[in-house]
Amino acid sequence: MIVSGGVWALGEPADEAVRQVELCNRNLCLLARSFVSSGFTTVIDWVVPDRQQLDLFYELLDPLPIRAVIGPSSR
């Protein structure tokens, strides 16, 4: 969707990458809320790499019921 100025999630400049990831996450949640409000069961199939981003999803989707599938860490 970005024509120019897109930065990969781990790319440089790092502050812009963080800003774009947060914008993407916010828009994913807005779209999910829109589908839920129209009566659909909605799945967000997305890798959430850290607790901070997971907390943002919970905040943005509140008070919707959320089920998270958490896989093993690669660390």
PDB file of N, CA and C in Angstrom:
ATOM      1  N   MET A   1       0.812  -1.190   0.000  1.00  0.00           N
ATOM      2  CA  MET A   1       0.000   0.000   0.000  1.00  0.00           C
ATOM      3  C   MET A   1       0.857   1.256   0.000  1.00  0.00           C
ATOM      4  N   ILE A   2       2.083   1.164   0.477  1.00  0.00           N
ATOM      5  CA  ILE A   2       2.959   2.334   0.490  1.00  0.00           C
ATOM      6  C   ILE A   2       3.676   2.408  -0.853  1.00  0.00           C
ATOM      7  N   VAL A   3       3.579   3.555  -1.500  1.00  0.00           N
ATOM      8  CA  VAL A   3       4.209   3.731  -2.804  1.00  0.00           C
ATOM      9  C   VAL A   3       5.670   4.138  -2.644  1.00  0.00           C
ATOM     10  N   SER A   4       5.943   5.054  -1.742  1.00  0.00           N
ATOM     11  CA  SER A   4       7.326   5.449  -1.468  1.00  0.00           C
ATOM     12  C   SER A   4       7.453   5.782   0.010  1.00  0.00           C
ATOM     13  N   GLY A   5       8.634   5.585   0.552  1.00  0.00           N
ATOM     14  CA  GLY A   5       8.878   5.911   1.953  1.00  0.00           C
ATOM     15  C   GLY A   5       8.669   4.757   2.908  1.00  0.00           C
ATOM     16  N   GLY A   6       8.313   3.581   2.369  1.00  0.00           N
ATOM     17  CA  GLY A   6       8.122   2.427   3.237  1.00  0.00           C
ATOM     18  C   GLY A   6       9.448   1.954   3.807  1.00  0.00           C
ATOM     19  N   VAL A   7       9.425   1.571   5.078  1.00  0.00           N
ATOM     20  CA  VAL A   7      10.619   1.064   5.755  1.00  0.00           C
ATOM     21  C   VAL A   7      10.277  -0.311   6.313  1.00  0.00           C
ATOM     22  N   TRP A   8      11.129  -1.302   6.062  1.00  0.00           N
ATOM     23  CA  TRP A   8      10.952  -2.642   6.595  1.00  0.00           C
ATOM     24  C   TRP A   8      10.897  -2.575   8.114  1.00  0.00           C
ATOM     25  N   ALA A   9      10.195  -3.500   8.742  1.00  0.00           N
ATOM     26  CA  ALA A   9       9.973  -3.466  10.191  1.00  0.00           C
ATOM     27  C   ALA A   9      11.265  -3.362  11.002  1.00  0.00           C
ATOM     28  N   LEU A  10      12.342  -3.939  10.525  1.00  0.00           N
ATOM     29  CA  LEU A  10      13.622  -3.842  11.232  1.00  0.00           C
ATOM     30  C   LEU A  10      14.601  -2.945  10.488  1.00  0.00           C
ATOM     31  N   GLY A  11      14.059  -2.125   9.587  1.00  0.00           N
ATOM     32  CA  GLY A  11      14.909  -1.307   8.736  1.00  0.00           C
ATOM     33  C   GLY A  11      15.325   0.009   9.364  1.00  0.00           C
ATOM     34  N   GLU A  12      15.981   0.789   8.550  1.00  0.00           N
ATOM     35  CA  GLU A  12      16.460   2.117   8.956  1.00  0.00           C
ATOM     36  C   GLU A  12      15.774   3.179   8.104  1.00  0.00           C
ATOM     37  N   PRO A  13      15.487   4.305   8.675  1.00  0.00           N
ATOM     38  CA  PRO A  13      15.741   4.694  10.064  1.00  0.00           C
ATOM     39  C   PRO A  13      14.799   3.956  11.022  1.00  0.00           C
ATOM     40  N   ALA A  14      15.342   3.532  12.148  1.00  0.00           N
ATOM     41  CA  ALA A  14      14.615   2.690  13.090  1.00  0.00           C
ATOM     42  C   ALA A  14      13.356   3.364  13.628  1.00  0.00           C
ATOM     43  N   ASP A  15      13.409   4.662  13.893  1.00  0.00           N
ATOM     44  CA  ASP A  15      12.224   5.352  14.428  1.00  0.00           C
ATOM     45  C   ASP A  15      11.082   5.354  13.419  1.00  0.00           C
ATOM     46  N   GLU A  16      11.411   5.449  12.141  1.00  0.00           N
ATOM     47  CA  GLU A  16      10.381   5.410  11.102  1.00  0.00           C
ATOM     48  C   GLU A  16       9.827   3.994  10.959  1.00  0.00           C
ATOM     49  N   ALA A  17      10.685   2.991  11.084  1.00  0.00           N
ATOM     50  CA  ALA A  17      10.220   1.606  11.028  1.00  0.00           C
ATOM     51  C   ALA A  17       9.230   1.339  12.155  1.00  0.00           C
ATOM     52  N   VAL A  18       9.543   1.792  13.360  1.00  0.00           N
ATOM     53  CA  VAL A  18       8.650   1.612  14.510  1.00  0.00           C
ATOM     54  C   VAL A  18       7.325   2.323  14.259  1.00  0.00           C
ATOM     55  N   ARG A  19       7.373   3.530  13.727  1.00  0.00           N
ATOM     56  CA  ARG A  19       6.154   4.299  13.446  1.00  0.00           C
ATOM     57  C   ARG A  19       5.269   3.567  12.437  1.00  0.00           C
ATOM     58  N   GLN A  20       5.878   3.027  11.399  1.00  0.00           N
ATOM     59  CA  GLN A  20       5.105   2.336  10.367  1.00  0.00           C
ATOM     60  C   GLN A  20       4.531   1.016  10.870  1.00  0.00           C
ATOM     61  N   VAL A  21       5.264   0.304  11.709  1.00  0.00           N
ATOM     62  CA  VAL A  21       4.746  -0.939  12.295  1.00  0.00           C
ATOM     63  C   VAL A  21       3.543  -0.628  13.174  1.00  0.00           C
ATOM     64  N   GLU A  22       3.649   0.417  13.994  1.00  0.00           N
ATOM     65  CA  GLU A  22       2.520   0.784  14.858  1.00  0.00           C
ATOM     66  C   GLU A  22       1.313   1.196  14.028  1.00  0.00           C
ATOM     67  N   LEU A  23       1.529   1.945  12.968  1.00  0.00           N
ATOM     68  CA  LEU A  23       0.429   2.344  12.089  1.00  0.00           C
ATOM     69  C   LEU A  23      -0.232   1.113  11.469  1.00  0.00           C
ATOM     70  N   CYS A  24       0.574   0.162  11.028  1.00  0.00           N
ATOM     71  CA  CYS A  24       0.033  -1.078  10.460  1.00  0.00           C
ATOM     72  C   CYS A  24      -0.799  -1.825  11.496  1.00  0.00           C
ATOM     73  N   ASN A  25      -0.269  -1.953  12.722  1.00  0.00           N
ATOM     74  CA  ASN A  25      -1.002  -2.649  13.781  1.00  0.00           C
ATOM     75  C   ASN A  25      -2.317  -1.946  14.100  1.00  0.00           C
ATOM     76  N   ARG A  26      -2.298  -0.636  14.173  1.00  0.00           N
ATOM     77  CA  ARG A  26      -3.522   0.117  14.442  1.00  0.00           C
ATOM     78  C   ARG A  26      -4.563  -0.112  13.343  1.00  0.00           C
ATOM     79  N   ASN A  27      -4.115  -0.126  12.103  1.00  0.00           N
ATOM     80  CA  ASN A  27      -5.043  -0.340  10.995  1.00  0.00           C
ATOM     81  C   ASN A  27      -5.563  -1.767  10.940  1.00  0.00           C
ATOM     82  N   LEU A  28      -4.733  -2.749  11.291  1.00  0.00           N
ATOM     83  CA  LEU A  28      -5.218  -4.126  11.391  1.00  0.00           C
ATOM     84  C   LEU A  28      -6.359  -4.221  12.396  1.00  0.00           C
ATOM     85  N   CYS A  29      -6.171  -3.573  13.536  1.00  0.00           N
ATOM     86  CA  CYS A  29      -7.201  -3.621  14.584  1.00  0.00           C
ATOM     87  C   CYS A  29      -8.462  -2.866  14.170  1.00  0.00           C
ATOM     88  N   LEU A  30      -8.307  -1.746  13.500  1.00  0.00           N
ATOM     89  CA  LEU A  30      -9.474  -1.011  13.008  1.00  0.00           C
ATOM     90  C   LEU A  30     -10.273  -1.844  12.012  1.00  0.00           C
ATOM     91  N   LEU A  31      -9.575  -2.530  11.120  1.00  0.00           N
ATOM     92  CA  LEU A  31     -10.249  -3.367  10.142  1.00  0.00           C
ATOM     93  C   LEU A  31     -10.958  -4.539  10.826  1.00  0.00           C
ATOM     94  N   ALA A  32     -10.283  -5.156  11.784  1.00  0.00           N
ATOM     95  CA  ALA A  32     -10.902  -6.259  12.522  1.00  0.00           C
ATOM     96  C   ALA A  32     -12.156  -5.782  13.243  1.00  0.00           C
ATOM     97  N   ARG A  33     -12.083  -4.635  13.914  1.00  0.00           N
ATOM     98  CA  ARG A  33     -13.247  -4.089  14.622  1.00  0.00           C
ATOM     99  C   ARG A  33     -14.397  -3.828  13.650  1.00  0.00           C
ATOM    100  N   SER A  34     -14.083  -3.344  12.463  1.00  0.00           N
ATOM    101  CA  SER A  34     -15.100  -3.072  11.455  1.00  0.00           C
ATOM    102  C   SER A  34     -15.827  -4.353  11.048  1.00  0.00           C
ATOM    103  N   PHE A  35     -15.078  -5.420  10.814  1.00  0.00           N
ATOM    104  CA  PHE A  35     -15.699  -6.695  10.455  1.00  0.00           C
ATOM    105  C   PHE A  35     -16.523  -7.245  11.604  1.00  0.00           C
ATOM    106  N   VAL A  36     -16.004  -7.172  12.824  1.00  0.00           N
ATOM    107  CA  VAL A  36     -16.747  -7.659  13.992  1.00  0.00           C
ATOM    108  C   VAL A  36     -18.055  -6.889  14.143  1.00  0.00           C
ATOM    109  N   SER A  37     -18.012  -5.576  13.958  1.00  0.00           N
ATOM    110  CA  SER A  37     -19.228  -4.773  14.110  1.00  0.00           C
ATOM    111  C   SER A  37     -20.267  -5.104  13.042  1.00  0.00           C
ATOM    112  N   SER A  38     -19.821  -5.723  11.961  1.00  0.00           N
ATOM    113  CA  SER A  38     -20.752  -6.157  10.908  1.00  0.00           C
ATOM    114  C   SER A  38     -21.159  -7.619  11.066  1.00  0.00           C
ATOM    115  N   GLY A  39     -20.780  -8.231  12.186  1.00  0.00           N
ATOM    116  CA  GLY A  39     -21.239  -9.570  12.494  1.00  0.00           C
ATOM    117  C   GLY A  39     -20.327 -10.710  12.096  1.00  0.00           C
ATOM    118  N   PHE A  40     -19.119 -10.415  11.666  1.00  0.00           N
ATOM    119  CA  PHE A  40     -18.201 -11.461  11.240  1.00  0.00           C
ATOM    120  C   PHE A  40     -17.309 -11.919  12.387  1.00  0.00           C
ATOM    121  N   THR A  41     -16.963 -13.197  12.363  1.00  0.00           N
ATOM    122  CA  THR A  41     -15.894 -13.696  13.220  1.00  0.00           C
ATOM    123  C   THR A  41     -14.595 -13.353  12.512  1.00  0.00           C
ATOM    124  N   THR A  42     -13.696 -12.733  13.214  1.00  0.00           N
ATOM    125  CA  THR A  42     -12.504 -12.167  12.582  1.00  0.00           C
ATOM    126  C   THR A  42     -11.235 -12.778  13.155  1.00  0.00           C
ATOM    127  N   VAL A  43     -10.289 -13.060  12.270  1.00  0.00           N
ATOM    128  CA  VAL A  43      -8.983 -13.576  12.669  1.00  0.00           C
ATOM    129  C   VAL A  43      -7.919 -12.622  12.150  1.00  0.00           C
ATOM    130  N   ILE A  44      -7.015 -12.232  13.018  1.00  0.00           N
ATOM    131  CA  ILE A  44      -5.833 -11.476  12.597  1.00  0.00           C
ATOM    132  C   ILE A  44      -4.678 -12.473  12.612  1.00  0.00           C
ATOM    133  N   ASP A  45      -4.182 -12.823  11.448  1.00  0.00           N
ATOM    134  CA  ASP A  45      -3.065 -13.760  11.322  1.00  0.00           C
ATOM    135  C   ASP A  45      -1.800 -12.930  11.171  1.00  0.00           C
ATOM    136  N   TRP A  46      -1.116 -12.731  12.274  1.00  0.00           N
ATOM    137  CA  TRP A  46      -0.019 -11.780  12.295  1.00  0.00           C
ATOM    138  C   TRP A  46       1.012 -12.202  13.320  1.00  0.00           C
ATOM    139  N   VAL A  47       2.270 -12.030  13.038  1.00  0.00           N
ATOM    140  CA  VAL A  47       3.320 -12.311  14.015  1.00  0.00           C
ATOM    141  C   VAL A  47       3.534 -11.050  14.845  1.00  0.00           C
ATOM    142  N   VAL A  48       3.327 -11.189  16.142  1.00  0.00           N
ATOM    143  CA  VAL A  48       3.519 -10.082  17.077  1.00  0.00           C
ATOM    144  C   VAL A  48       4.798 -10.397  17.851  1.00  0.00           C
ATOM    145  N   PRO A  49       5.880  -9.664  17.568  1.00  0.00           N
ATOM    146  CA  PRO A  49       7.193 -10.076  18.056  1.00  0.00           C
ATOM    147  C   PRO A  49       7.506  -9.795  19.528  1.00  0.00           C
ATOM    148  N   ASP A  50       6.724  -8.943  20.169  1.00  0.00           N
ATOM    149  CA  ASP A  50       7.070  -8.630  21.555  1.00  0.00           C
ATOM    150  C   ASP A  50       5.836  -8.274  22.364  1.00  0.00           C
ATOM    151  N   ARG A  51       6.009  -8.239  23.679  1.00  0.00           N
ATOM    152  CA  ARG A  51       4.888  -7.988  24.591  1.00  0.00           C
ATOM    153  C   ARG A  51       4.298  -6.593  24.384  1.00  0.00           C
ATOM    154  N   GLN A  52       5.127  -5.617  24.075  1.00  0.00           N
ATOM    155  CA  GLN A  52       4.639  -4.246  23.869  1.00  0.00           C
ATOM    156  C   GLN A  52       3.622  -4.198  22.728  1.00  0.00           C
ATOM    157  N   GLN A  53       3.931  -4.873  21.631  1.00  0.00           N
ATOM    158  CA  GLN A  53       2.994  -4.872  20.506  1.00  0.00           C
ATOM    159  C   GLN A  53       1.742  -5.696  20.826  1.00  0.00           C
ATOM    160  N   LEU A  54       1.899  -6.789  21.567  1.00  0.00           N
ATOM    161  CA  LEU A  54       0.747  -7.583  21.973  1.00  0.00           C
ATOM    162  C   LEU A  54      -0.183  -6.748  22.854  1.00  0.00           C
ATOM    163  N   ASP A  55       0.396  -6.006  23.780  1.00  0.00           N
ATOM    164  CA  ASP A  55      -0.412  -5.137  24.642  1.00  0.00           C
ATOM    165  C   ASP A  55      -1.163  -4.090  23.826  1.00  0.00           C
ATOM    166  N   LEU A  56      -0.539  -3.570  22.768  1.00  0.00           N
ATOM    167  CA  LEU A  56      -1.211  -2.601  21.899  1.00  0.00           C
ATOM    168  C   LEU A  56      -2.426  -3.241  21.232  1.00  0.00           C
ATOM    169  N   PHE A  57      -2.286  -4.482  20.758  1.00  0.00           N
ATOM    170  CA  PHE A  57      -3.425  -5.176  20.152  1.00  0.00           C
ATOM    171  C   PHE A  57      -4.564  -5.311  21.160  1.00  0.00           C
ATOM    172  N   TYR A  58      -4.230  -5.748  22.384  1.00  0.00           N
ATOM    173  CA  TYR A  58      -5.263  -5.885  23.412  1.00  0.00           C
ATOM    174  C   TYR A  58      -5.938  -4.537  23.687  1.00  0.00           C
ATOM    175  N   GLU A  59      -5.154  -3.482  23.751  1.00  0.00           N
ATOM    176  CA  GLU A  59      -5.708  -2.140  24.000  1.00  0.00           C
ATOM    177  C   GLU A  59      -6.633  -1.715  22.867  1.00  0.00           C
ATOM    178  N   LEU A  60      -6.199  -1.897  21.637  1.00  0.00           N
ATOM    179  CA  LEU A  60      -6.971  -1.433  20.482  1.00  0.00           C
ATOM    180  C   LEU A  60      -8.215  -2.276  20.217  1.00  0.00           C
ATOM    181  N   LEU A  61      -8.210  -3.522  20.673  1.00  0.00           N
ATOM    182  CA  LEU A  61      -9.347  -4.401  20.427  1.00  0.00           C
ATOM    183  C   LEU A  61     -10.305  -4.483  21.614  1.00  0.00           C
ATOM    184  N   ASP A  62      -9.954  -3.885  22.722  1.00  0.00           N
ATOM    185  CA  ASP A  62     -10.806  -3.891  23.910  1.00  0.00           C
ATOM    186  C   ASP A  62     -12.134  -3.212  23.587  1.00  0.00           C
ATOM    187  N   PRO A  63     -13.260  -3.739  23.960  1.00  0.00           N
ATOM    188  CA  PRO A  63     -13.539  -4.873  24.838  1.00  0.00           C
ATOM    189  C   PRO A  63     -13.863  -6.159  24.088  1.00  0.00           C
ATOM    190  N   LEU A  64     -13.443  -6.292  22.844  1.00  0.00           N
ATOM    191  CA  LEU A  64     -13.741  -7.499  22.073  1.00  0.00           C
ATOM    192  C   LEU A  64     -13.080  -8.717  22.721  1.00  0.00           C
ATOM    193  N   PRO A  65     -13.722  -9.880  22.621  1.00  0.00           N
ATOM    194  CA  PRO A  65     -13.071 -11.088  23.132  1.00  0.00           C
ATOM    195  C   PRO A  65     -11.883 -11.443  22.230  1.00  0.00           C
ATOM    196  N   ILE A  66     -10.763 -11.776  22.839  1.00  0.00           N
ATOM    197  CA  ILE A  66      -9.535 -12.053  22.082  1.00  0.00           C
ATOM    198  C   ILE A  66      -8.996 -13.420  22.478  1.00  0.00           C
ATOM    199  N   ARG A  67      -8.610 -14.174  21.475  1.00  0.00           N
ATOM    200  CA  ARG A  67      -7.917 -15.434  21.699  1.00  0.00           C
ATOM    201  C   ARG A  67      -6.570 -15.304  20.987  1.00  0.00           C
ATOM    202  N   ALA A  68      -5.484 -15.507  21.696  1.00  0.00           N
ATOM    203  CA  ALA A  68      -4.153 -15.400  21.108  1.00  0.00           C
ATOM    204  C   ALA A  68      -3.513 -16.778  21.078  1.00  0.00           C
ATOM    205  N   VAL A  69      -2.868 -17.086  19.968  1.00  0.00           N
ATOM    206  CA  VAL A  69      -2.081 -18.312  19.853  1.00  0.00           C
ATOM    207  C   VAL A  69      -0.624 -17.890  19.963  1.00  0.00           C
ATOM    208  N   ILE A  70       0.024 -18.389  20.980  1.00  0.00           N
ATOM    209  CA  ILE A  70       1.409 -17.982  21.236  1.00  0.00           C
ATOM    210  C   ILE A  70       2.309 -19.183  20.994  1.00  0.00           C
ATOM    211  N   GLY A  71       3.228 -19.007  20.047  1.00  0.00           N
ATOM    212  CA  GLY A  71       4.158 -20.082  19.713  1.00  0.00           C
ATOM    213  C   GLY A  71       5.433 -19.951  20.522  1.00  0.00           C
ATOM    214  N   PRO A  72       6.306 -20.927  20.379  1.00  0.00           N
ATOM    215  CA  PRO A  72       7.553 -20.899  21.131  1.00  0.00           C
ATOM    216  C   PRO A  72       8.463 -19.781  20.654  1.00  0.00           C
ATOM    217  N   SER A  73       9.218 -19.240  21.560  1.00  0.00           N
ATOM    218  CA  SER A  73      10.182 -18.201  21.234  1.00  0.00           C
ATOM    219  C   SER A  73      11.364 -18.814  20.518  1.00  0.00           C
ATOM    220  N   SER A  74      11.957 -18.053  19.623  1.00  0.00           N
ATOM    221  CA  SER A  74      13.149 -18.540  18.915  1.00  0.00           C
ATOM    222  C   SER A  74      14.419 -18.224  19.695  1.00  0.00           C
ATOM    223  N   ARG A  75      14.273 -17.658  20.873  1.00  0.00           N
ATOM    224  CA  ARG A  75      15.450 -17.289  21.680  1.00  0.00           C
ATOM    225  C   ARG A  75      15.987 -18.455  22.428  1.00  0.00           C
TER     226      ARG A  75
END
